[in-house]
Amino acid sequence: TQCFGHTPYSYVYAGNFHHGLDIVDTADRTVRAIDDGVAYFYRGNSFGNNVRIFHSNGKMSLYLHLQ
């Protein structure tokens, strides 16, 4: 996982900056969205199973590598 900002793997991101915050949990937990929006589920691409939520303020939140 990586923190927000410059990381040892920053070279793979546009502008050499990681714009997210990676959170890991080994327990089987429910993931809750940070805000209301329209959710789309994607299966098995380079992010693994993931959910993308488009919020009314124009922002998007990503939930990646889900089981």
C-alpha atoms as a PDB file:
ATOM      1  CA  THR A   1       0.000   0.000   0.000  1.00  0.00           C
ATOM      2  CA  GLN A   2       1.012   3.618  -0.384  1.00  0.00           C
ATOM      3  CA  CYS A   3       0.411   6.920   1.341  1.00  0.00           C
ATOM      4  CA  PHE A   4      -0.798  10.120  -0.304  1.00  0.00           C
ATOM      5  CA  GLY A   5       1.945  12.090  -2.059  1.00  0.00           C
ATOM      6  CA  HIS A   6       5.402  11.103  -3.252  1.00  0.00           C
ATOM      7  CA  THR A   7       6.126   7.413  -2.708  1.00  0.00           C
ATOM      8  CA  PRO A   8       8.762   4.920  -3.877  1.00  0.00           C
ATOM      9  CA  TYR A   9       6.333   4.059  -6.714  1.00  0.00           C
ATOM     10  CA  SER A  10       5.417   7.643  -7.677  1.00  0.00           C
ATOM     11  CA  TYR A  11       7.042   7.227 -11.081  1.00  0.00           C
ATOM     12  CA  VAL A  12       4.041   5.171 -12.293  1.00  0.00           C
ATOM     13  CA  TYR A  13       1.546   8.006 -11.656  1.00  0.00           C
ATOM     14  CA  ALA A  14       0.841  11.117 -13.708  1.00  0.00           C
ATOM     15  CA  GLY A  15       2.890  13.959 -12.271  1.00  0.00           C
ATOM     16  CA  ASN A  16       4.855  11.445 -10.156  1.00  0.00           C
ATOM     17  CA  PHE A  17       2.325  11.851  -7.348  1.00  0.00           C
ATOM     18  CA  HIS A  18       0.016   9.272  -5.715  1.00  0.00           C
ATOM     19  CA  HIS A  19      -3.339  11.053  -5.300  1.00  0.00           C
ATOM     20  CA  GLY A  20      -5.004   8.398  -3.155  1.00  0.00           C
ATOM     21  CA  LEU A  21      -4.768   6.856   0.268  1.00  0.00           C
ATOM     22  CA  ASP A  22      -4.478   3.071   0.415  1.00  0.00           C
ATOM     23  CA  ILE A  23      -6.098   1.350   3.380  1.00  0.00           C
ATOM     24  CA  VAL A  24      -5.705  -2.360   4.113  1.00  0.00           C
ATOM     25  CA  ASP A  25      -7.803  -4.512   6.400  1.00  0.00           C
ATOM     26  CA  THR A  26      -7.325  -8.244   6.826  1.00  0.00           C
ATOM     27  CA  ALA A  27     -10.758  -8.737   8.397  1.00  0.00           C
ATOM     28  CA  ASP A  28     -13.892  -9.406   6.347  1.00  0.00           C
ATOM     29  CA  ARG A  29     -15.584  -6.014   6.668  1.00  0.00           C
ATOM     30  CA  THR A  30     -18.255  -4.016   4.908  1.00  0.00           C
ATOM     31  CA  VAL A  31     -16.919  -1.089   2.877  1.00  0.00           C
ATOM     32  CA  ARG A  32     -18.981   2.075   3.297  1.00  0.00           C
ATOM     33  CA  ALA A  33     -19.001   4.962   0.829  1.00  0.00           C
ATOM     34  CA  ILE A  34     -17.746   8.374   1.913  1.00  0.00           C
ATOM     35  CA  ASP A  35     -20.774  10.111   0.334  1.00  0.00           C
ATOM     36  CA  ASP A  36     -23.937   9.419  -1.669  1.00  0.00           C
ATOM     37  CA  GLY A  37     -23.684   8.894  -5.404  1.00  0.00           C
ATOM     38  CA  VAL A  38     -24.168   6.518  -8.307  1.00  0.00           C
ATOM     39  CA  ALA A  39     -22.119   3.328  -7.916  1.00  0.00           C
ATOM     40  CA  TYR A  40     -20.699   1.105 -10.659  1.00  0.00           C
ATOM     41  CA  PHE A  41     -19.121  -2.298 -10.071  1.00  0.00           C
ATOM     42  CA  TYR A  42     -16.195  -3.481 -12.222  1.00  0.00           C
ATOM     43  CA  ARG A  43     -14.888  -7.032 -12.091  1.00  0.00           C
ATOM     44  CA  GLY A  44     -11.303  -8.169 -12.469  1.00  0.00           C
ATOM     45  CA  ASN A  45      -9.500  -5.390 -14.351  1.00  0.00           C
ATOM     46  CA  SER A  46      -6.024  -4.178 -13.274  1.00  0.00           C
ATOM     47  CA  PHE A  47      -7.630  -2.881 -10.040  1.00  0.00           C
ATOM     48  CA  GLY A  48      -9.221  -6.255  -9.254  1.00  0.00           C
ATOM     49  CA  ASN A  49     -12.879  -6.110  -8.252  1.00  0.00           C
ATOM     50  CA  ASN A  50     -13.708  -2.476  -7.656  1.00  0.00           C
ATOM     51  CA  VAL A  51     -16.504   0.036  -7.147  1.00  0.00           C
ATOM     52  CA  ARG A  52     -16.498   3.574  -8.516  1.00  0.00           C
ATOM     53  CA  ILE A  53     -18.937   6.078  -7.040  1.00  0.00           C
ATOM     54  CA  PHE A  54     -19.734   9.299  -8.883  1.00  0.00           C
ATOM     55  CA  HIS A  55     -20.869  11.995  -6.429  1.00  0.00           C
ATOM     56  CA  SER A  56     -23.149  14.974  -7.131  1.00  0.00           C
ATOM     57  CA  ASN A  57     -20.258  17.404  -6.465  1.00  0.00           C
ATOM     58  CA  GLY A  58     -18.405  16.089  -9.551  1.00  0.00           C
ATOM     59  CA  LYS A  59     -15.921  13.991  -7.555  1.00  0.00           C
ATOM     60  CA  MET A  60     -15.424  10.240  -7.856  1.00  0.00           C
ATOM     61  CA  SER A  61     -14.331   7.824  -5.138  1.00  0.00           C
ATOM     62  CA  LEU A  62     -12.673   4.497  -5.926  1.00  0.00           C
ATOM     63  CA  TYR A  63     -12.769   1.323  -3.862  1.00  0.00           C
ATOM     64  CA  LEU A  64     -10.187  -1.040  -5.376  1.00  0.00           C
ATOM     65  CA  HIS A  65      -8.958  -4.616  -4.921  1.00  0.00           C
ATOM     66  CA  LEU A  66     -12.178  -5.747  -3.239  1.00  0.00           C
ATOM     67  CA  GLN A  67     -12.997  -9.389  -2.582  1.00  0.00           C
END
